[in-house]
C-alpha atoms as a PDB file:
ATOM      1  CA  MET A   1       0.000   0.000   0.000  1.00  0.00           C
ATOM      2  CA  PRO A   2       1.478   3.338  -1.001  1.00  0.00           C
ATOM      3  CA  MET A   3       2.061   6.070   1.632  1.00  0.00           C
ATOM      4  CA  PRO A   4      -0.333   8.987   1.640  1.00  0.00           C
ATOM      5  CA  ALA A   5       1.046  12.014  -0.205  1.00  0.00           C
ATOM      6  CA  LEU A   6       1.059  14.081   2.990  1.00  0.00           C
ATOM      7  CA  TYR A   7       3.941  12.035   4.415  1.00  0.00           C
ATOM      8  CA  HIS A   8       5.880  11.476   1.238  1.00  0.00           C
ATOM      9  CA  LEU A   9       8.832  13.831   0.868  1.00  0.00           C
ATOM     10  CA  SER A  10      11.099  14.038  -2.090  1.00  0.00           C
ATOM     11  CA  SER A  11      14.806  14.692  -1.668  1.00  0.00           C
ATOM     12  CA  ALA A  12      14.328  18.230  -3.042  1.00  0.00           C
ATOM     13  CA  SER A  13      11.722  19.090  -0.430  1.00  0.00           C
ATOM     14  CA  CYS A  14      14.096  17.985   2.361  1.00  0.00           C
ATOM     15  CA  ILE A  15      16.524  20.743   1.415  1.00  0.00           C
ATOM     16  CA  VAL A  16      13.901  23.471   1.502  1.00  0.00           C
ATOM     17  CA  PRO A  17      13.282  23.299   5.275  1.00  0.00           C
ATOM     18  CA  SER A  18      17.015  23.489   6.032  1.00  0.00           C
ATOM     19  CA  VAL A  19      17.505  26.537   3.784  1.00  0.00           C
ATOM     20  CA  ARG A  20      14.435  28.113   5.380  1.00  0.00           C
ATOM     21  CA  SER A  21      15.920  27.383   8.821  1.00  0.00           C
ATOM     22  CA  LEU A  22      19.184  29.041   7.846  1.00  0.00           C
ATOM     23  CA  VAL A  23      17.381  32.140   6.617  1.00  0.00           C
ATOM     24  CA  LEU A  24      15.383  32.336   9.843  1.00  0.00           C
ATOM     25  CA  MET A  25      18.536  31.930  11.979  1.00  0.00           C
ATOM     26  CA  ALA A  26      20.320  34.677  10.029  1.00  0.00           C
ATOM     27  CA  ALA A  27      17.352  36.999  10.437  1.00  0.00           C
ATOM     28  CA  SER A  28      17.249  36.229  14.173  1.00  0.00           C
ATOM     29  CA  VAL A  29      20.934  37.048  14.599  1.00  0.00           C
ATOM     30  CA  ALA A  30      20.512  40.321  12.711  1.00  0.00           C
ATOM     31  CA  ILE A  31      17.510  41.326  14.821  1.00  0.00           C
ATOM     32  CA  THR A  32      19.019  40.401  18.230  1.00  0.00           C
ATOM     33  CA  GLY A  33      22.430  41.888  17.473  1.00  0.00           C
ATOM     34  CA  ALA A  34      24.887  39.067  18.101  1.00  0.00           C
ATOM     35  CA  ASN A  35      27.716  41.580  17.842  1.00  0.00           C
ATOM     36  CA  SER A  36      26.644  43.149  21.140  1.00  0.00           C
ATOM     37  CA  GLN A  37      28.584  40.460  22.995  1.00  0.00           C
ATOM     38  CA  ASN A  38      31.821  41.962  21.657  1.00  0.00           C
ATOM     39  CA  VAL A  39      31.018  45.518  22.755  1.00  0.00           C
ATOM     40  CA  PRO A  40      33.353  46.601  25.588  1.00  0.00           C
ATOM     41  CA  ARG A  41      31.628  47.146  28.909  1.00  0.00           C
ATOM     42  CA  PRO A  42      31.964  50.480  30.725  1.00  0.00           C
ATOM     43  CA  ALA A  43      34.924  50.642  33.130  1.00  0.00           C
ATOM     44  CA  THR A  44      32.552  51.005  36.076  1.00  0.00           C
ATOM     45  CA  THR A  45      31.483  47.352  35.793  1.00  0.00           C
ATOM     46  CA  ILE A  46      35.023  45.965  36.062  1.00  0.00           C
ATOM     47  CA  GLN A  47      35.933  45.119  39.644  1.00  0.00           C
ATOM     48  CA  SER A  48      39.535  45.467  40.742  1.00  0.00           C
ATOM     49  CA  THR A  49      40.999  42.791  43.008  1.00  0.00           C
ATOM     50  CA  CYS A  50      43.664  45.186  44.234  1.00  0.00           C
ATOM     51  CA  ILE A  51      43.239  46.042  47.891  1.00  0.00           C
ATOM     52  CA  ALA A  52      44.810  48.716  50.027  1.00  0.00           C
ATOM     53  CA  PRO A  53      47.076  47.382  52.804  1.00  0.00           C
ATOM     54  CA  VAL A  54      44.658  48.575  55.512  1.00  0.00           C
ATOM     55  CA  ASP A  55      41.848  46.601  53.842  1.00  0.00           C
ATOM     56  CA  LEU A  56      43.637  43.255  54.278  1.00  0.00           C
ATOM     57  CA  THR A  57      41.308  40.776  56.000  1.00  0.00           C
ATOM     58  CA  THR A  58      41.690  37.313  57.415  1.00  0.00           C
ATOM     59  CA  GLN A  59      39.747  35.840  54.482  1.00  0.00           C
ATOM     60  CA  TRP A  60      42.300  37.335  52.084  1.00  0.00           C
ATOM     61  CA  LEU A  61      44.909  34.971  53.571  1.00  0.00           C
ATOM     62  CA  TYR A  62      43.024  31.787  52.609  1.00  0.00           C
ATOM     63  CA  GLY A  63      44.935  29.649  50.130  1.00  0.00           C
ATOM     64  CA  GLN A  64      48.546  28.980  49.197  1.00  0.00           C
ATOM     65  CA  TRP A  65      51.442  31.405  49.774  1.00  0.00           C
ATOM     66  CA  ASN A  66      55.209  31.233  49.236  1.00  0.00           C
ATOM     67  CA  ALA A  67      57.535  32.832  51.768  1.00  0.00           C
ATOM     68  CA  ASP A  68      61.125  34.002  51.535  1.00  0.00           C
ATOM     69  CA  PHE A  69      63.058  34.496  54.758  1.00  0.00           C
ATOM     70  CA  PHE A  70      66.014  36.899  54.856  1.00  0.00           C
ATOM     71  CA  ASP A  71      68.926  37.552  57.190  1.00  0.00           C
ATOM     72  CA  LEU A  72      68.122  41.226  56.752  1.00  0.00           C
ATOM     73  CA  PRO A  73      66.665  43.054  59.717  1.00  0.00           C
ATOM     74  CA  PRO A  74      63.080  44.180  59.250  1.00  0.00           C
ATOM     75  CA  SER A  75      62.788  47.700  57.899  1.00  0.00           C
ATOM     76  CA  THR A  76      60.289  49.951  56.227  1.00  0.00           C
ATOM     77  CA  GLY A  77      62.433  50.099  53.092  1.00  0.00           C
ATOM     78  CA  LEU A  78      61.797  48.430  49.757  1.00  0.00           C
ATOM     79  CA  LEU A  79      61.605  44.716  49.147  1.00  0.00           C
ATOM     80  CA  PRO A  80      64.948  42.906  48.744  1.00  0.00           C
ATOM     81  CA  GLN A  81      66.070  43.037  45.126  1.00  0.00           C
ATOM     82  CA  ARG A  82      68.145  39.856  44.784  1.00  0.00           C
ATOM     83  CA  SER A  83      66.978  36.307  45.368  1.00  0.00           C
ATOM     84  CA  GLY A  84      70.557  35.565  46.540  1.00  0.00           C
ATOM     85  CA  GLU A  85      69.692  37.362  49.768  1.00  0.00           C
ATOM     86  CA  VAL A  86      67.129  34.662  50.627  1.00  0.00           C
ATOM     87  CA  ARG A  87      68.180  32.646  53.688  1.00  0.00           C
ATOM     88  CA  TYR A  88      65.539  29.948  53.129  1.00  0.00           C
ATOM     89  CA  ARG A  89      62.103  29.500  51.617  1.00  0.00           C
ATOM     90  CA  GLY A  90      58.799  28.121  52.752  1.00  0.00           C
ATOM     91  CA  SER A  91      55.334  27.294  51.581  1.00  0.00           C
ATOM     92  CA  LEU A  92      52.270  28.291  53.588  1.00  0.00           C
ATOM     93  CA  ARG A  93      48.671  27.205  53.314  1.00  0.00           C
ATOM     94  CA  PHE A  94      45.874  28.969  55.187  1.00  0.00           C
ATOM     95  CA  GLU A  95      42.231  28.136  55.775  1.00  0.00           C
ATOM     96  CA  ARG A  96      39.456  29.315  58.075  1.00  0.00           C
ATOM     97  CA  HIS A  97      40.046  28.413  61.712  1.00  0.00           C
ATOM     98  CA  ARG A  98      37.187  26.160  62.829  1.00  0.00           C
ATOM     99  CA  GLU A  99      37.366  27.109  66.495  1.00  0.00           C
ATOM    100  CA  HIS A 100      37.876  30.880  66.281  1.00  0.00           C
ATOM    101  CA  ALA A 101      35.781  33.166  64.084  1.00  0.00           C
ATOM    102  CA  ASN A 102      37.726  35.576  61.863  1.00  0.00           C
ATOM    103  CA  SER A 103      40.956  33.632  62.381  1.00  0.00           C
ATOM    104  CA  VAL A 104      43.108  31.454  60.157  1.00  0.00           C
ATOM    105  CA  LYS A 105      45.040  28.290  60.726  1.00  0.00           C
ATOM    106  CA  GLY A 106      47.627  26.817  58.461  1.00  0.00           C
ATOM    107  CA  THR A 107      50.897  25.067  57.934  1.00  0.00           C
ATOM    108  CA  LEU A 108      54.413  26.168  57.094  1.00  0.00           C
ATOM    109  CA  MET A 109      56.718  23.856  55.147  1.00  0.00           C
ATOM    110  CA  LEU A 110      60.349  25.019  55.059  1.00  0.00           C
ATOM    111  CA  SER A 111      62.831  24.239  52.307  1.00  0.00           C
ATOM    112  CA  GLY A 112      66.321  25.289  51.255  1.00  0.00           C
ATOM    113  CA  SER A 113      69.338  26.093  53.405  1.00  0.00           C
ATOM    114  CA  ALA A 114      68.403  27.226  56.868  1.00  0.00           C
ATOM    115  CA  GLY A 115      69.803  27.938  60.280  1.00  0.00           C
ATOM    116  CA  GLU A 116      70.247  25.321  63.001  1.00  0.00           C
ATOM    117  CA  ARG A 117      66.672  25.576  64.310  1.00  0.00           C
ATOM    118  CA  GLU A 118      65.129  25.642  60.830  1.00  0.00           C
ATOM    119  CA  ALA A 119      67.251  22.681  59.688  1.00  0.00           C
ATOM    120  CA  LYS A 120      65.530  20.544  62.353  1.00  0.00           C
ATOM    121  CA  LEU A 121      62.100  21.907  61.469  1.00  0.00           C
ATOM    122  CA  SER A 122      60.385  20.706  58.334  1.00  0.00           C
ATOM    123  CA  SER A 123      56.893  21.969  59.154  1.00  0.00           C
ATOM    124  CA  ALA A 124      55.058  24.054  61.720  1.00  0.00           C
ATOM    125  CA  GLN A 125      51.491  24.997  62.555  1.00  0.00           C
ATOM    126  CA  LEU A 126      50.300  28.575  62.203  1.00  0.00           C
ATOM    127  CA  SER A 127      47.273  30.424  63.538  1.00  0.00           C
ATOM    128  CA  GLY A 128      46.324  34.053  63.768  1.00  0.00           C
ATOM    129  CA  ASP A 129      44.265  36.855  62.345  1.00  0.00           C
ATOM    130  CA  VAL A 130      44.313  40.255  60.714  1.00  0.00           C
ATOM    131  CA  GLU A 131      43.483  43.387  62.668  1.00  0.00           C
ATOM    132  CA  ASP A 132      43.352  46.833  61.062  1.00  0.00           C
ATOM    133  CA  GLY A 133      45.287  45.499  58.059  1.00  0.00           C
ATOM    134  CA  GLU A 134      48.059  43.928  60.175  1.00  0.00           C
ATOM    135  CA  MET A 135      48.602  40.158  60.026  1.00  0.00           C
ATOM    136  CA  ILE A 136      49.622  38.536  63.308  1.00  0.00           C
ATOM    137  CA  LEU A 137      50.472  34.819  63.348  1.00  0.00           C
ATOM    138  CA  ASP A 138      51.668  32.428  66.021  1.00  0.00           C
ATOM    139  CA  GLU A 139      53.895  29.590  64.850  1.00  0.00           C
ATOM    140  CA  SER A 140      54.240  26.316  66.750  1.00  0.00           C
ATOM    141  CA  ASP A 141      56.745  23.535  66.107  1.00  0.00           C
ATOM    142  CA  ASP A 142      54.966  21.052  68.374  1.00  0.00           C
ATOM    143  CA  GLY A 143      51.353  22.279  68.471  1.00  0.00           C
ATOM    144  CA  GLN A 144      51.738  23.194  72.161  1.00  0.00           C
ATOM    145  CA  ARG A 145      54.125  26.141  72.504  1.00  0.00           C
ATOM    146  CA  ILE A 146      54.639  29.280  70.421  1.00  0.00           C
ATOM    147  CA  SER A 147      57.995  29.026  68.660  1.00  0.00           C
ATOM    148  CA  ALA A 148      57.758  32.200  66.568  1.00  0.00           C
ATOM    149  CA  VAL A 149      55.561  35.239  66.061  1.00  0.00           C
ATOM    150  CA  TRP A 150      54.885  36.833  62.674  1.00  0.00           C
ATOM    151  CA  VAL A 151      53.744  40.429  62.179  1.00  0.00           C
ATOM    152  CA  GLY A 152      53.250  41.738  58.660  1.00  0.00           C
ATOM    153  CA  THR A 153      51.313  44.058  56.394  1.00  0.00           C
ATOM    154  CA  ALA A 154      50.417  43.992  52.731  1.00  0.00           C
ATOM    155  CA  THR A 155      52.695  46.081  50.552  1.00  0.00           C
ATOM    156  CA  VAL A 156      51.239  48.924  48.505  1.00  0.00           C
ATOM    157  CA  GLU A 157      52.959  47.727  45.329  1.00  0.00           C
ATOM    158  CA  GLY A 158      51.863  44.117  45.929  1.00  0.00           C
ATOM    159  CA  CYS A 159      48.146  44.824  45.619  1.00  0.00           C
ATOM    160  CA  GLY A 160      47.332  42.522  48.557  1.00  0.00           C
ATOM    161  CA  LEU A 161      49.315  39.638  47.066  1.00  0.00           C
ATOM    162  CA  ILE A 162      52.577  40.433  48.892  1.00  0.00           C
ATOM    163  CA  ILE A 163      52.876  40.642  52.668  1.00  0.00           C
ATOM    164  CA  LYS A 164      56.105  41.840  54.260  1.00  0.00           C
ATOM    165  CA  GLY A 165      56.995  41.723  57.917  1.00  0.00           C
ATOM    166  CA  THR A 166      58.983  40.336  60.806  1.00  0.00           C
ATOM    167  CA  ARG A 167      59.252  36.754  61.990  1.00  0.00           C
ATOM    168  CA  ARG A 168      60.688  36.622  65.501  1.00  0.00           C
ATOM    169  CA  LEU A 169      61.727  33.256  66.897  1.00  0.00           C
ATOM    170  CA  ALA A 170      61.009  32.563  70.582  1.00  0.00           C
ATOM    171  CA  GLY A 171      63.934  33.713  72.700  1.00  0.00           C
ATOM    172  CA  GLU A 172      65.268  36.186  70.113  1.00  0.00           C
ATOM    173  CA  GLU A 173      65.335  39.930  70.743  1.00  0.00           C
ATOM    174  CA  SER A 174      64.863  40.932  67.118  1.00  0.00           C
ATOM    175  CA  GLY A 175      63.346  39.196  64.173  1.00  0.00           C
ATOM    176  CA  HIS A 176      64.136  38.688  60.531  1.00  0.00           C
ATOM    177  CA  LEU A 177      62.435  39.915  57.405  1.00  0.00           C
ATOM    178  CA  PHE A 178      59.932  37.676  55.605  1.00  0.00           C
ATOM    179  CA  VAL A 179      58.091  38.283  52.352  1.00  0.00           C
ATOM    180  CA  MET A 180      54.972  36.230  51.572  1.00  0.00           C
ATOM    181  CA  THR A 181      53.661  36.051  48.004  1.00  0.00           C
ATOM    182  CA  LYS A 182      50.217  34.645  47.178  1.00  0.00           C
ATOM    183  CA  THR A 183      50.308  31.893  44.564  1.00  0.00           C
ATOM    184  CA  PRO A 184      47.909  32.235  41.624  1.00  0.00           C
ATOM    185  CA  GLY A 185      44.584  30.429  41.878  1.00  0.00           C
ATOM    186  CA  TRP A 186      43.116  28.517  44.780  1.00  0.00           C
ATOM    187  CA  ARG A 187      44.929  25.410  46.035  1.00  0.00           C
END
C-alpha cells in the first residue's frame, strides 16, 4: 500500500526546510544583534581585586602562599632586590580556623638552606588573624608552645598579594624579614 502524499517527501523538499531554517537563523541574529557580545563594557562594571594594605582581611589569607626568609633586619624600606639574599624558603597554606571566628590556621613547610633551628624543622602549625590590616600569626613547632611570632602588612605595590613583615623566633630579641607572596589560583 502506497504512503499517503502528505507524508511522502522528495529529496528536493528535504533541502527546503534546512535553507528556510538558515534564513530564519540569520534573520534572528541580525535582529538580536549578536555583535553586542563583543562591545566593551563600561569601566565602572570591572571590579579590581587590588586592595589597600589597611583593607587586608583574614579571608584574604586563605589559600597557598610562598615565603622568603632573609637575614636582613626588618625595615620599612623596599623589598629585597636579589633572590641571593634569601636565607631559606617556605610554603604556607591557610584556611578558616574552625574554632575561632575571623581567624586562620595553616601550615608552614620550610625548604632550602636554613639555620640550626630551621634545619631541624620541616613543618610548623600557624594560627592568627588580621586586625586593622596587620597580620599577626603564632607559629608552633609542636602544636603546644609558640615558637615564633609573625607580624606583617600587605605592601602597597603588591596589591594585597605580597605581605612583608617580621618573623621573631622565641627567645630572640629581634626578628628577621619575611616576604609572603600569594600563589595564583586557589589550592
